[in-house]
Protein backbone atom coordinates (compact mmCIF):
# COMPACT_ATOMS: atom_id res chain seq x y z
CA MET A 1 -0.25 0.30 -0.16
CA LYS A 2 1.60 3.25 -1.02
CA LYS A 3 1.73 6.27 1.53
CA LYS A 4 -0.12 9.18 0.82
CA ARG A 5 1.75 12.64 0.80
CA LYS A 6 0.04 15.18 2.94
CA ASN A 7 -0.84 17.46 0.22
CA GLU A 8 -3.00 14.59 -1.32
CA GLU A 9 -5.12 13.95 1.51
CA MET A 10 -8.75 14.81 1.16
CA LYS A 11 -11.41 15.31 3.55
CA LEU A 12 -14.28 12.89 2.59
CA GLY A 13 -16.90 15.86 2.27
CA ASP A 14 -14.29 17.55 -0.32
CA LEU A 15 -13.63 14.06 -1.96
CA LEU A 16 -17.76 13.49 -2.52
CA LYS A 17 -18.20 17.47 -3.52
CA SER A 18 -15.56 16.80 -6.31
CA PHE A 19 -17.21 13.90 -7.51
CA VAL A 20 -20.52 15.54 -7.50
CA ASP A 21 -19.23 18.35 -9.77
CA GLU A 22 -17.40 16.36 -12.24
CA ASN A 23 -20.06 13.99 -12.78
CA LYS A 24 -22.63 16.91 -12.87
CA LEU A 25 -24.98 15.46 -10.46
CA ASP A 26 -25.56 18.66 -8.15
CA LYS A 27 -28.46 19.96 -10.70
CA LYS A 28 -31.64 18.34 -10.14
CA GLY A 29 -32.03 15.25 -7.28
CA LEU A 30 -29.26 16.40 -4.98
CA ASN A 31 -30.64 19.71 -4.49
CA GLU A 32 -34.13 18.62 -4.32
CA VAL A 33 -33.03 16.70 -1.27
CA LYS A 34 -30.89 19.10 0.21
CA VAL A 35 -33.84 21.70 0.12
CA ARG A 36 -36.27 19.11 1.56
CA ASP A 37 -33.73 18.63 4.61
CA VAL A 38 -33.04 22.30 5.14
CA TRP A 39 -36.90 23.18 4.84
CA ASN A 40 -37.27 20.94 7.51
CA ASN A 41 -34.60 21.84 9.59
CA GLN A 42 -35.30 25.54 9.09
CA MET A 43 -38.91 25.54 9.71
CA GLY A 44 -39.38 23.08 12.13
CA PRO A 45 -41.49 20.63 13.28
CA ALA A 46 -44.63 22.03 13.26
CA ILE A 47 -44.43 23.45 9.90
CA GLU A 48 -42.95 20.22 8.55
CA LYS A 49 -46.24 18.41 9.82
CA TYR A 50 -48.29 20.57 7.43
CA THR A 51 -46.14 20.47 4.45
CA THR A 52 -47.18 17.90 2.05
CA GLY A 53 -44.68 18.43 -1.10
CA LEU A 54 -42.11 20.39 -2.11
CA LYS A 55 -40.47 20.73 -5.81
CA LEU A 56 -37.64 22.61 -6.89
CA LYS A 57 -37.74 23.77 -10.27
CA ASN A 58 -35.21 25.91 -11.65
CA ASP A 59 -34.58 28.62 -9.10
CA THR A 60 -38.41 28.39 -7.89
CA LEU A 61 -39.47 26.12 -4.58
CA PHE A 62 -42.85 25.00 -4.86
CA VAL A 63 -44.25 24.24 -1.13
CA GLN A 64 -47.59 22.16 -1.09
CA LEU A 65 -49.25 22.99 2.56
CA SER A 66 -52.15 21.37 4.07
CA SER A 67 -53.23 24.42 6.15
CA SER A 68 -54.69 27.60 4.43
CA VAL A 69 -54.19 29.46 7.41
CA LEU A 70 -50.28 28.50 7.82
CA ARG A 71 -50.07 29.14 3.89
CA GLU A 72 -51.49 32.99 4.63
CA GLU A 73 -48.96 33.31 7.29
CA LEU A 74 -45.91 32.29 5.64
CA SER A 75 -46.77 34.40 2.53
CA TYR A 76 -45.63 37.50 4.63
CA GLY A 77 -42.40 36.34 5.00
CA LYS A 78 -41.52 34.75 1.72
CA GLU A 79 -38.19 37.01 1.30
CA LYS A 80 -36.99 36.00 4.59
CA ILE A 81 -37.90 32.30 4.35
CA ILE A 82 -35.79 32.31 1.19
CA ARG A 83 -32.91 34.36 2.31
CA ASN A 84 -32.44 31.56 5.27
CA LEU A 85 -33.04 28.74 3.25
CA ASN A 86 -30.19 29.93 1.00
CA GLU A 87 -27.98 30.58 3.85
CA ALA A 88 -28.44 27.07 5.22
CA MET A 89 -27.57 25.83 1.86
CA GLY A 90 -24.66 27.82 1.46
CA ARG A 91 -25.65 29.16 -2.01
CA ASP A 92 -28.36 31.08 -3.83
CA LEU A 93 -30.25 28.51 -5.38
CA ILE A 94 -34.06 29.86 -4.47
CA SER A 95 -35.14 32.98 -5.75
CA LYS A 96 -38.77 32.64 -5.86
CA LEU A 97 -41.17 30.73 -3.18
CA VAL A 98 -44.56 29.54 -4.38
CA LEU A 99 -46.98 28.26 -1.48
CA ARG A 100 -49.65 26.32 -2.52
């Protein structure tokens, strides 16, 4: 077994990111999974309970909610929600939020 030189060592996260970038896997499926996780973490369990669907299409996040009252309440803070989600993901992936 060869010894790796210190400058050739990579962290697992960096290696996976490199693999995803090189194989262009970052576009659809991985972003959608990440958005779903970030939505649930940022919005909390109460809102997660009423979220029936999430779909990321281009730069628009479509959120299906089972409560019209919650949908109305969240509509007042769309810009803040977008900003918090993008910050949690580490890049500006969402520019528009549609609540249904």
